[in-house]
Amino acid sequence: MSEVYEYVPHRLLRKRVRDIASGAEGELMAVINENVSSSAVGEHWVELAYVRLSSGREITTAVYNIESA
């Protein structure tokens, strides 16, 4: 199996964003292309956005759910 993740540049990194799916707002900390497959037979990669909320807790969401807040 290859690497399980890689960082992806994004124009909103370190900016305030809103997760459309949950309505949560916070700072976009990273966008990662992550291999979420459970076996080495077939890889399945998704781009996840890591958002730090004002409480300090981080959530993940699909990168396409992120918009500028």
PDB file of N, CA and C in Angstrom:
ATOM      1  N   MET A   1       0.843  -1.174   0.000  1.00  0.00           N
ATOM      2  CA  MET A   1       0.000   0.000   0.000  1.00  0.00           C
ATOM      3  C   MET A   1       0.889   1.238   0.000  1.00  0.00           C
ATOM      4  N   SER A   2       0.491   2.245  -0.720  1.00  0.00           N
ATOM      5  CA  SER A   2       1.275   3.477  -0.796  1.00  0.00           C
ATOM      6  C   SER A   2       1.021   4.341   0.433  1.00  0.00           C
ATOM      7  N   GLU A   3       1.539   5.558   0.432  1.00  0.00           N
ATOM      8  CA  GLU A   3       1.312   6.486   1.535  1.00  0.00           C
ATOM      9  C   GLU A   3      -0.190   6.594   1.802  1.00  0.00           C
ATOM     10  N   VAL A   4      -0.548   6.851   3.037  1.00  0.00           N
ATOM     11  CA  VAL A   4      -1.955   6.923   3.379  1.00  0.00           C
ATOM     12  C   VAL A   4      -2.519   8.338   3.325  1.00  0.00           C
ATOM     13  N   TYR A   5      -1.650   9.349   3.159  1.00  0.00           N
ATOM     14  CA  TYR A   5      -2.154  10.708   3.020  1.00  0.00           C
ATOM     15  C   TYR A   5      -1.101  11.596   2.365  1.00  0.00           C
ATOM     16  N   GLU A   6      -1.569  12.739   1.852  1.00  0.00           N
ATOM     17  CA  GLU A   6      -0.678  13.778   1.338  1.00  0.00           C
ATOM     18  C   GLU A   6      -1.382  15.119   1.493  1.00  0.00           C
ATOM     19  N   TYR A   7      -0.615  16.139   1.853  1.00  0.00           N
ATOM     20  CA  TYR A   7      -1.162  17.483   2.020  1.00  0.00           C
ATOM     21  C   TYR A   7      -1.452  18.103   0.660  1.00  0.00           C
ATOM     22  N   VAL A   8      -2.539  18.887   0.602  1.00  0.00           N
ATOM     23  CA  VAL A   8      -2.984  19.524  -0.634  1.00  0.00           C
ATOM     24  C   VAL A   8      -3.063  21.032  -0.390  1.00  0.00           C
ATOM     25  N   PRO A   9      -2.485  21.849  -1.272  1.00  0.00           N
ATOM     26  CA  PRO A   9      -2.617  23.303  -1.106  1.00  0.00           C
ATOM     27  C   PRO A   9      -4.079  23.730  -1.305  1.00  0.00           C
ATOM     28  N   HIS A  10      -4.490  24.756  -0.588  1.00  0.00           N
ATOM     29  CA  HIS A  10      -5.865  25.250  -0.712  1.00  0.00           C
ATOM     30  C   HIS A  10      -5.866  26.760  -0.464  1.00  0.00           C
ATOM     31  N   ARG A  11      -6.640  27.496  -1.199  1.00  0.00           N
ATOM     32  CA  ARG A  11      -6.653  28.963  -1.112  1.00  0.00           C
ATOM     33  C   ARG A  11      -7.201  29.471   0.215  1.00  0.00           C
ATOM     34  N   LEU A  12      -7.929  28.657   0.966  1.00  0.00           N
ATOM     35  CA  LEU A  12      -8.515  29.106   2.223  1.00  0.00           C
ATOM     36  C   LEU A  12      -7.748  28.629   3.460  1.00  0.00           C
ATOM     37  N   LEU A  13      -6.576  28.057   3.283  1.00  0.00           N
ATOM     38  CA  LEU A  13      -5.793  27.616   4.435  1.00  0.00           C
ATOM     39  C   LEU A  13      -5.543  28.776   5.380  1.00  0.00           C
ATOM     40  N   ARG A  14      -5.706  28.514   6.682  1.00  0.00           N
ATOM     41  CA  ARG A  14      -5.510  29.501   7.754  1.00  0.00           C
ATOM     42  C   ARG A  14      -6.507  30.653   7.698  1.00  0.00           C
ATOM     43  N   LYS A  15      -7.623  30.448   6.996  1.00  0.00           N
ATOM     44  CA  LYS A  15      -8.680  31.458   6.917  1.00  0.00           C
ATOM     45  C   LYS A  15      -9.932  30.908   7.605  1.00  0.00           C
ATOM     46  N   ARG A  16     -10.840  31.805   7.946  1.00  0.00           N
ATOM     47  CA  ARG A  16     -12.103  31.397   8.569  1.00  0.00           C
ATOM     48  C   ARG A  16     -13.013  30.797   7.501  1.00  0.00           C
ATOM     49  N   VAL A  17     -13.561  29.609   7.801  1.00  0.00           N
ATOM     50  CA  VAL A  17     -14.409  28.893   6.855  1.00  0.00           C
ATOM     51  C   VAL A  17     -15.661  28.371   7.556  1.00  0.00           C
ATOM     52  N   ARG A  18     -16.621  27.983   6.744  1.00  0.00           N
ATOM     53  CA  ARG A  18     -17.858  27.364   7.224  1.00  0.00           C
ATOM     54  C   ARG A  18     -17.995  25.998   6.550  1.00  0.00           C
ATOM     55  N   ASP A  19     -18.367  25.011   7.362  1.00  0.00           N
ATOM     56  CA  ASP A  19     -18.686  23.680   6.837  1.00  0.00           C
ATOM     57  C   ASP A  19     -20.160  23.693   6.452  1.00  0.00           C
ATOM     58  N   ILE A  20     -20.454  23.602   5.185  1.00  0.00           N
ATOM     59  CA  ILE A  20     -21.829  23.670   4.700  1.00  0.00           C
ATOM     60  C   ILE A  20     -22.675  22.550   5.306  1.00  0.00           C
ATOM     61  N   ALA A  21     -22.111  21.366   5.465  1.00  0.00           N
ATOM     62  CA  ALA A  21     -22.863  20.209   5.956  1.00  0.00           C
ATOM     63  C   ALA A  21     -23.350  20.392   7.392  1.00  0.00           C
ATOM     64  N   SER A  22     -22.496  20.922   8.266  1.00  0.00           N
ATOM     65  CA  SER A  22     -22.869  21.036   9.683  1.00  0.00           C
ATOM     66  C   SER A  22     -23.175  22.464  10.122  1.00  0.00           C
ATOM     67  N   GLY A  23     -22.744  23.447   9.342  1.00  0.00           N
ATOM     68  CA  GLY A  23     -22.909  24.841   9.715  1.00  0.00           C
ATOM     69  C   GLY A  23     -21.825  25.339  10.655  1.00  0.00           C
ATOM     70  N   ALA A  24     -20.887  24.459  11.048  1.00  0.00           N
ATOM     71  CA  ALA A  24     -19.807  24.835  11.967  1.00  0.00           C
ATOM     72  C   ALA A  24     -18.842  25.789  11.277  1.00  0.00           C
ATOM     73  N   GLU A  25     -18.292  26.733  12.055  1.00  0.00           N
ATOM     74  CA  GLU A  25     -17.314  27.680  11.535  1.00  0.00           C
ATOM     75  C   GLU A  25     -16.022  27.566  12.318  1.00  0.00           C
ATOM     76  N   GLY A  26     -14.912  27.775  11.622  1.00  0.00           N
ATOM     77  CA  GLY A  26     -13.611  27.732  12.267  1.00  0.00           C
ATOM     78  C   GLY A  26     -12.516  28.050  11.264  1.00  0.00           C
ATOM     79  N   GLU A  27     -11.278  27.724  11.621  1.00  0.00           N
ATOM     80  CA  GLU A  27     -10.113  27.997  10.779  1.00  0.00           C
ATOM     81  C   GLU A  27      -9.713  26.732  10.031  1.00  0.00           C
ATOM     82  N   LEU A  28      -9.529  26.859   8.726  1.00  0.00           N
ATOM     83  CA  LEU A  28      -9.083  25.717   7.928  1.00  0.00           C
ATOM     84  C   LEU A  28      -7.607  25.461   8.207  1.00  0.00           C
ATOM     85  N   MET A  29      -7.327  24.331   8.837  1.00  0.00           N
ATOM     86  CA  MET A  29      -5.965  24.006   9.254  1.00  0.00           C
ATOM     87  C   MET A  29      -5.198  23.221   8.199  1.00  0.00           C
ATOM     88  N   ALA A  30      -5.896  22.355   7.461  1.00  0.00           N
ATOM     89  CA  ALA A  30      -5.218  21.521   6.461  1.00  0.00           C
ATOM     90  C   ALA A  30      -6.242  20.915   5.524  1.00  0.00           C
ATOM     91  N   VAL A  31      -5.785  20.603   4.321  1.00  0.00           N
ATOM     92  CA  VAL A  31      -6.542  19.787   3.381  1.00  0.00           C
ATOM     93  C   VAL A  31      -5.636  18.614   3.056  1.00  0.00           C
ATOM     94  N   ILE A  32      -6.175  17.419   3.242  1.00  0.00           N
ATOM     95  CA  ILE A  32      -5.367  16.210   3.078  1.00  0.00           C
ATOM     96  C   ILE A  32      -6.069  15.252   2.140  1.00  0.00           C
ATOM     97  N   ASN A  33      -5.328  14.747   1.170  1.00  0.00           N
ATOM     98  CA  ASN A  33      -5.798  13.693   0.292  1.00  0.00           C
ATOM     99  C   ASN A  33      -5.463  12.386   1.003  1.00  0.00           C
ATOM    100  N   GLU A  34      -6.493  11.699   1.499  1.00  0.00           N
ATOM    101  CA  GLU A  34      -6.276  10.567   2.388  1.00  0.00           C
ATOM    102  C   GLU A  34      -6.806   9.268   1.799  1.00  0.00           C
ATOM    103  N   ASN A  35      -5.997   8.220   1.944  1.00  0.00           N
ATOM    104  CA  ASN A  35      -6.405   6.888   1.509  1.00  0.00           C
ATOM    105  C   ASN A  35      -7.255   6.286   2.618  1.00  0.00           C
ATOM    106  N   VAL A  36      -8.550   6.132   2.369  1.00  0.00           N
ATOM    107  CA  VAL A  36      -9.459   5.625   3.388  1.00  0.00           C
ATOM    108  C   VAL A  36      -9.844   4.165   3.159  1.00  0.00           C
ATOM    109  N   SER A  37      -9.169   3.494   2.236  1.00  0.00           N
ATOM    110  CA  SER A  37      -9.484   2.084   1.979  1.00  0.00           C
ATOM    111  C   SER A  37      -9.011   1.225   3.137  1.00  0.00           C
ATOM    112  N   SER A  38      -9.681   0.119   3.338  1.00  0.00           N
ATOM    113  CA  SER A  38      -9.335  -0.778   4.437  1.00  0.00           C
ATOM    114  C   SER A  38      -8.448  -1.935   3.988  1.00  0.00           C
ATOM    115  N   SER A  39      -8.122  -1.980   2.699  1.00  0.00           N
ATOM    116  CA  SER A  39      -7.247  -3.049   2.212  1.00  0.00           C
ATOM    117  C   SER A  39      -6.292  -2.501   1.160  1.00  0.00           C
ATOM    118  N   ALA A  40      -5.249  -3.260   0.892  1.00  0.00           N
ATOM    119  CA  ALA A  40      -4.260  -2.842  -0.106  1.00  0.00           C
ATOM    120  C   ALA A  40      -4.711  -3.186  -1.518  1.00  0.00           C
ATOM    121  N   VAL A  41      -5.784  -3.924  -1.646  1.00  0.00           N
ATOM    122  CA  VAL A  41      -6.256  -4.367  -2.963  1.00  0.00           C
ATOM    123  C   VAL A  41      -6.749  -3.197  -3.809  1.00  0.00           C
ATOM    124  N   GLY A  42      -7.589  -2.362  -3.242  1.00  0.00           N
ATOM    125  CA  GLY A  42      -8.112  -1.217  -3.980  1.00  0.00           C
ATOM    126  C   GLY A  42      -8.031   0.026  -3.136  1.00  0.00           C
ATOM    127  N   GLU A  43      -7.332   1.022  -3.609  1.00  0.00           N
ATOM    128  CA  GLU A  43      -7.202   2.257  -2.854  1.00  0.00           C
ATOM    129  C   GLU A  43      -8.373   3.183  -3.137  1.00  0.00           C
ATOM    130  N   HIS A  44      -8.817   3.887  -2.115  1.00  0.00           N
ATOM    131  CA  HIS A  44      -9.890   4.871  -2.253  1.00  0.00           C
ATOM    132  C   HIS A  44      -9.425   6.158  -1.575  1.00  0.00           C
ATOM    133  N   TRP A  45      -9.191   7.194  -2.356  1.00  0.00           N
ATOM    134  CA  TRP A  45      -8.658   8.460  -1.860  1.00  0.00           C
ATOM    135  C   TRP A  45      -9.763   9.506  -1.807  1.00  0.00           C
ATOM    136  N   VAL A  46      -9.783  10.295  -0.719  1.00  0.00           N
ATOM    137  CA  VAL A  46     -10.727  11.403  -0.586  1.00  0.00           C
ATOM    138  C   VAL A  46      -9.970  12.630  -0.069  1.00  0.00           C
ATOM    139  N   GLU A  47     -10.450  13.808  -0.430  1.00  0.00           N
ATOM    140  CA  GLU A  47      -9.860  15.047   0.078  1.00  0.00           C
ATOM    141  C   GLU A  47     -10.672  15.511   1.276  1.00  0.00           C
ATOM    142  N   LEU A  48     -10.008  15.548   2.438  1.00  0.00           N
ATOM    143  CA  LEU A  48     -10.651  15.953   3.681  1.00  0.00           C
ATOM    144  C   LEU A  48     -10.120  17.305   4.136  1.00  0.00           C
ATOM    145  N   ALA A  49     -11.026  18.142   4.618  1.00  0.00           N
ATOM    146  CA  ALA A  49     -10.658  19.429   5.188  1.00  0.00           C
ATOM    147  C   ALA A  49     -10.689  19.293   6.701  1.00  0.00           C
ATOM    148  N   TYR A  50      -9.649  19.786   7.354  1.00  0.00           N
ATOM    149  CA  TYR A  50      -9.557  19.790   8.812  1.00  0.00           C
ATOM    150  C   TYR A  50      -9.812  21.216   9.285  1.00  0.00           C
ATOM    151  N   VAL A  51     -10.884  21.397  10.060  1.00  0.00           N
ATOM    152  CA  VAL A  51     -11.311  22.714  10.515  1.00  0.00           C
ATOM    153  C   VAL A  51     -11.218  22.761  12.039  1.00  0.00           C
ATOM    154  N   ARG A  52     -10.522  23.773  12.563  1.00  0.00           N
ATOM    155  CA  ARG A  52     -10.416  23.962  14.013  1.00  0.00           C
ATOM    156  C   ARG A  52     -11.484  24.963  14.446  1.00  0.00           C
ATOM    157  N   LEU A  53     -12.388  24.494  15.306  1.00  0.00           N
ATOM    158  CA  LEU A  53     -13.461  25.324  15.823  1.00  0.00           C
ATOM    159  C   LEU A  53     -12.929  26.247  16.916  1.00  0.00           C
ATOM    160  N   SER A  54     -13.718  27.227  17.322  1.00  0.00           N
ATOM    161  CA  SER A  54     -13.281  28.175  18.358  1.00  0.00           C
ATOM    162  C   SER A  54     -13.028  27.468  19.691  1.00  0.00           C
ATOM    163  N   SER A  55     -13.646  26.309  19.911  1.00  0.00           N
ATOM    164  CA  SER A  55     -13.435  25.536  21.141  1.00  0.00           C
ATOM    165  C   SER A  55     -12.072  24.850  21.157  1.00  0.00           C
ATOM    166  N   GLY A  56     -11.398  24.818  19.989  1.00  0.00           N
ATOM    167  CA  GLY A  56     -10.121  24.127  19.870  1.00  0.00           C
ATOM    168  C   GLY A  56     -10.271  22.728  19.298  1.00  0.00           C
ATOM    169  N   ARG A  57     -11.479  22.244  19.255  1.00  0.00           N
ATOM    170  CA  ARG A  57     -11.753  20.920  18.682  1.00  0.00           C
ATOM    171  C   ARG A  57     -11.652  20.994  17.167  1.00  0.00           C
ATOM    172  N   GLU A  58     -11.113  19.940  16.550  1.00  0.00           N
ATOM    173  CA  GLU A  58     -11.033  19.890  15.085  1.00  0.00           C
ATOM    174  C   GLU A  58     -12.050  18.902  14.539  1.00  0.00           C
ATOM    175  N   ILE A  59     -12.646  19.288  13.420  1.00  0.00           N
ATOM    176  CA  ILE A  59     -13.566  18.406  12.713  1.00  0.00           C
ATOM    177  C   ILE A  59     -13.045  18.198  11.301  1.00  0.00           C
ATOM    178  N   THR A  60     -13.508  17.145  10.676  1.00  0.00           N
ATOM    179  CA  THR A  60     -13.182  16.913   9.271  1.00  0.00           C
ATOM    180  C   THR A  60     -14.468  16.932   8.463  1.00  0.00           C
ATOM    181  N   THR A  61     -14.318  17.333   7.220  1.00  0.00           N
ATOM    182  CA  THR A  61     -15.437  17.331   6.297  1.00  0.00           C
ATOM    183  C   THR A  61     -14.868  17.224   4.887  1.00  0.00           C
ATOM    184  N   ALA A  62     -15.708  16.905   3.936  1.00  0.00           N
ATOM    185  CA  ALA A  62     -15.273  16.877   2.541  1.00  0.00           C
ATOM    186  C   ALA A  62     -14.835  18.291   2.150  1.00  0.00           C
ATOM    187  N   VAL A  63     -13.754  18.387   1.414  1.00  0.00           N
ATOM    188  CA  VAL A  63     -13.223  19.697   1.036  1.00  0.00           C
ATOM    189  C   VAL A  63     -14.246  20.491   0.227  1.00  0.00           C
ATOM    190  N   TYR A  64     -15.156  19.830  -0.452  1.00  0.00           N
ATOM    191  CA  TYR A  64     -16.173  20.531  -1.248  1.00  0.00           C
ATOM    192  C   TYR A  64     -17.272  21.135  -0.382  1.00  0.00           C
ATOM    193  N   ASN A  65     -17.283  20.824   0.922  1.00  0.00           N
ATOM    194  CA  ASN A  65     -18.256  21.410   1.852  1.00  0.00           C
ATOM    195  C   ASN A  65     -17.755  22.696   2.497  1.00  0.00           C
ATOM    196  N   ILE A  66     -16.560  23.137   2.134  1.00  0.00           N
ATOM    197  CA  ILE A  66     -15.950  24.302   2.761  1.00  0.00           C
ATOM    198  C   ILE A  66     -16.210  25.553   1.923  1.00  0.00           C
ATOM    199  N   GLU A  67     -16.623  26.623   2.636  1.00  0.00           N
ATOM    200  CA  GLU A  67     -16.764  27.933   1.992  1.00  0.00           C
ATOM    201  C   GLU A  67     -16.221  28.988   2.931  1.00  0.00           C
ATOM    202  N   SER A  68     -15.843  30.116   2.374  1.00  0.00           N
ATOM    203  CA  SER A  68     -15.324  31.220   3.170  1.00  0.00           C
ATOM    204  C   SER A  68     -16.424  31.735   4.092  1.00  0.00           C
ATOM    205  N   ALA A  69     -16.054  32.034   5.333  1.00  0.00           N
ATOM    206  CA  ALA A  69     -17.052  32.520   6.302  1.00  0.00           C
ATOM    207  C   ALA A  69     -16.945  34.029   6.463  1.00  0.00           C
TER     208      ALA A  69
END
